[in-house]
């Protein structure tokens, strides 16, 4: 084996090749020439069904934080597909403003982009993106959650906008799990 791998042997014995091929589950021809049968077949790729989720307003998203009932007829502006599973009550929002437009490399969310929100069963992970509701004003916002030295923040990607320190009056109401450009911006 060592002589074959080191190149000292240009033509290994058929009996040696057969002994090597058997435990590997390949034919001697495949081992020598790369032709014949191998033990590796094509692998099926997992398929995730596309699901449709409603595009709703930021006001509706804030209201859903209080009552996660299904959407009422006419509440959705349109339905958008995703391979991500946002759960039964998942929804899309349209990005507004420039606070999540990054001036550098990395993720960036332009105005009019659509973001898919998972409102239930999400983990809170530093560096991931969330929708938060300000309980004192009723406003909702889209920011990156950061936990640093035990202190929690909502951070915009655009440094021209201020970081928000988490408090009891701020609740994360959903995690952003997908983003898409609208079909047409023209």
Protein backbone atom coordinates (compact mmCIF):
# COMPACT_ATOMS: atom_id res chain seq x y z
CA UNK A 1 0.00 0.00 0.00
CA UNK A 2 2.77 2.43 0.95
CA UNK A 3 4.59 1.80 -2.35
CA UNK A 4 1.40 2.45 -4.33
CA UNK A 5 0.63 5.71 -2.52
CA UNK A 6 4.21 6.96 -2.68
CA UNK A 7 4.40 6.24 -6.43
CA UNK A 8 7.18 3.65 -6.15
CA UNK A 9 4.93 1.07 -7.79
CA UNK A 10 3.56 2.03 -11.22
CA UNK A 11 1.63 -1.20 -11.68
CA UNK A 12 0.39 -2.79 -8.44
CA UNK A 13 -0.50 -6.48 -8.48
CA UNK A 14 -4.09 -7.38 -9.26
CA UNK A 15 -4.35 -9.37 -6.02
CA UNK A 16 -3.20 -6.32 -4.01
CA UNK A 17 -5.68 -4.02 -5.74
CA UNK A 18 -8.51 -6.53 -5.16
CA UNK A 19 -7.65 -6.71 -1.45
CA UNK A 20 -7.77 -2.91 -1.21
CA UNK A 21 -10.96 -2.53 -3.24
CA UNK A 22 -13.05 -5.03 -1.25
CA UNK A 23 -13.18 -3.18 2.12
CA UNK A 24 -13.65 0.13 0.31
CA UNK A 25 -16.69 -1.24 -1.50
CA UNK A 26 -15.37 -0.39 -4.97
CA UNK A 27 -14.26 -2.44 -7.95
CA UNK A 28 -10.53 -2.96 -8.66
CA UNK A 29 -11.07 -1.15 -12.02
CA UNK A 30 -12.48 1.86 -10.24
CA UNK A 31 -9.55 1.95 -7.82
CA UNK A 32 -6.98 1.73 -10.63
CA UNK A 33 -8.60 3.72 -13.42
CA UNK A 34 -11.58 5.59 -11.96
CA UNK A 35 -14.01 3.59 -14.11
CA UNK A 36 -16.37 0.78 -13.21
CA UNK A 37 -18.61 0.61 -10.17
CA UNK A 38 -17.95 2.66 -7.05
CA UNK A 39 -19.67 2.58 -3.69
CA UNK A 40 -20.77 6.19 -4.00
CA UNK A 41 -24.04 7.06 -5.66
CA UNK A 42 -25.78 10.33 -6.31
CA UNK A 43 -27.09 11.89 -3.14
CA UNK A 44 -30.60 13.22 -3.00
CA UNK A 45 -30.70 16.83 -1.90
CA UNK A 46 -33.23 17.70 0.77
CA UNK A 47 -36.27 19.43 -0.62
CA UNK A 48 -38.04 22.09 1.34
CA UNK A 49 -41.54 22.97 0.30
CA UNK A 50 -42.17 26.59 -0.52
CA UNK A 51 -44.76 28.22 1.70
CA UNK A 52 -46.64 31.43 1.20
CA UNK A 53 -46.76 34.07 3.90
CA UNK A 54 -48.69 37.36 3.86
CA UNK A 55 -47.02 40.73 3.41
CA UNK A 56 -48.53 42.91 6.14
CA UNK A 57 -48.07 46.45 7.43
CA UNK A 58 -45.84 47.41 10.36
CA UNK A 59 -48.96 48.48 12.27
CA UNK A 60 -50.49 45.03 11.77
CA UNK A 61 -47.23 43.41 12.91
CA UNK A 62 -47.32 45.41 16.14
CA UNK A 63 -50.94 44.41 16.72
CA UNK A 64 -50.11 40.74 16.12
CA UNK A 65 -47.61 40.89 18.98
CA UNK A 66 -50.57 41.25 21.34
CA UNK A 67 -52.75 38.60 19.71
CA UNK A 68 -51.23 36.05 17.34
CA UNK A 69 -54.56 35.22 15.70
CA UNK A 70 -54.62 34.36 12.03
CA UNK A 71 -54.73 37.24 9.61
CA UNK A 72 -58.11 38.65 8.76
CA UNK A 73 -59.25 38.70 5.11
CA UNK A 74 -57.88 41.78 3.37
CA UNK A 75 -55.14 42.30 5.97
CA UNK A 76 -52.41 40.94 3.67
CA UNK A 77 -51.20 43.15 0.84
CA UNK A 78 -49.94 40.08 -1.06
CA UNK A 79 -48.55 36.60 -0.41
CA UNK A 80 -44.86 35.83 -0.93
CA UNK A 81 -43.19 32.41 -1.07
CA UNK A 82 -40.22 31.23 0.97
CA UNK A 83 -38.40 27.95 1.58
CA UNK A 84 -37.91 29.02 5.20
CA UNK A 85 -40.37 27.88 7.85
CA UNK A 86 -41.69 30.92 9.70
CA UNK A 87 -44.38 28.89 11.42
CA UNK A 88 -48.14 29.14 11.27
CA UNK A 89 -48.22 32.87 11.93
CA UNK A 90 -45.19 33.93 9.86
CA UNK A 91 -45.43 37.11 7.82
CA UNK A 92 -43.44 39.43 5.56
CA UNK A 93 -42.74 43.10 6.21
CA UNK A 94 -41.43 45.72 3.80
CA UNK A 95 -38.25 47.45 5.00
CA UNK A 96 -38.66 51.20 5.48
CA UNK A 97 -35.96 53.80 5.97
CA UNK A 98 -32.18 53.57 5.87
CA UNK A 99 -31.27 52.34 9.37
CA UNK A 100 -30.59 48.80 8.13
CA UNK A 101 -28.56 49.78 5.06
CA UNK A 102 -24.96 48.89 5.78
CA UNK A 103 -22.22 51.12 4.35
CA UNK A 104 -19.76 48.20 4.48
CA UNK A 105 -19.63 44.50 3.61
CA UNK A 106 -22.08 42.08 5.14
CA UNK A 107 -25.85 42.00 5.29
CA UNK A 108 -27.75 45.08 4.21
CA UNK A 109 -31.49 45.68 3.91
CA UNK A 110 -32.53 48.32 1.40
CA UNK A 111 -35.89 50.11 1.59
CA UNK A 112 -38.66 48.08 -0.08
CA UNK A 113 -36.90 44.75 0.60
CA UNK A 114 -39.18 42.16 2.13
CA UNK A 115 -38.19 40.40 5.35
CA UNK A 116 -39.83 37.19 6.60
CA UNK A 117 -40.64 37.21 10.31
CA UNK A 118 -41.02 34.15 12.54
CA UNK A 119 -43.18 35.47 15.41
CA UNK A 120 -43.23 32.34 17.58
CA UNK A 121 -40.76 29.72 18.76
CA UNK A 122 -37.61 31.66 17.90
CA UNK A 123 -34.36 31.75 19.84
CA UNK A 124 -32.75 35.05 20.77
CA UNK A 125 -29.20 34.96 19.40
CA UNK A 126 -26.71 37.81 19.43
CA UNK A 127 -25.99 38.99 15.88
CA UNK A 128 -29.34 37.87 14.42
CA UNK A 129 -32.07 40.21 13.17
CA UNK A 130 -35.35 40.85 14.99
CA UNK A 131 -38.52 42.89 14.97
CA UNK A 132 -38.98 44.71 18.28
CA UNK A 133 -41.97 46.52 19.71
CA UNK A 134 -41.58 49.60 21.89
CA UNK A 135 -44.32 49.12 24.49
CA UNK A 136 -44.31 52.77 25.59
CA UNK A 137 -44.87 54.16 22.06
CA UNK A 138 -46.39 51.17 20.25
CA UNK A 139 -43.79 51.51 17.47
CA UNK A 140 -42.14 48.50 15.84
CA UNK A 141 -38.58 48.46 14.54
CA UNK A 142 -36.21 46.16 12.67
CA UNK A 143 -32.69 45.85 14.11
CA UNK A 144 -29.84 43.46 14.87
CA UNK A 145 -29.88 42.14 18.45
CA UNK A 146 -26.51 42.31 20.22
CA UNK A 147 -25.59 41.06 23.67
CA UNK A 148 -22.21 42.31 24.87
CA UNK A 149 -20.86 41.92 28.41
CA UNK A 150 -24.36 41.13 29.68
CA UNK A 151 -25.90 44.26 28.13
CA UNK A 152 -28.49 43.90 25.34
CA UNK A 153 -28.86 46.32 22.43
CA UNK A 154 -30.81 46.78 19.23
CA UNK A 155 -28.28 47.91 16.68
CA UNK A 156 -28.85 49.47 13.25
CA UNK A 157 -26.50 48.48 10.42
CA UNK A 158 -26.19 52.12 9.41
CA UNK A 159 -23.93 53.94 11.92
CA UNK A 160 -25.81 57.21 11.25
CA UNK A 161 -28.65 55.82 13.37
CA UNK A 162 -28.54 55.29 17.12
CA UNK A 163 -28.25 52.02 19.02
CA UNK A 164 -31.15 51.24 21.37
CA UNK A 165 -30.41 49.70 24.76
CA UNK A 166 -32.92 46.96 25.59
CA UNK A 167 -35.24 47.60 28.54
CA UNK A 168 -38.46 46.21 29.98
CA UNK A 169 -40.39 48.47 27.58
CA UNK A 170 -38.94 46.72 24.50
CA UNK A 171 -40.09 43.27 23.42
CA UNK A 172 -38.70 41.15 20.58
CA UNK A 173 -41.80 40.07 18.66
CA UNK A 174 -40.18 38.09 15.85
CA UNK A 175 -36.96 36.89 14.28
CA UNK A 176 -36.14 37.72 10.65
CA UNK A 177 -35.32 34.48 8.82
CA UNK A 178 -35.43 35.44 5.13
CA UNK A 179 -35.15 38.53 2.93
CA UNK A 180 -36.00 39.19 -0.70
CA UNK A 181 -36.09 42.03 -3.15
CA UNK A 182 -39.56 42.76 -4.48
CA UNK A 183 -40.30 41.20 -7.87
CA UNK A 184 -40.04 44.59 -9.49
CA UNK A 185 -38.79 47.83 -8.09
CA UNK A 186 -39.69 49.77 -11.25
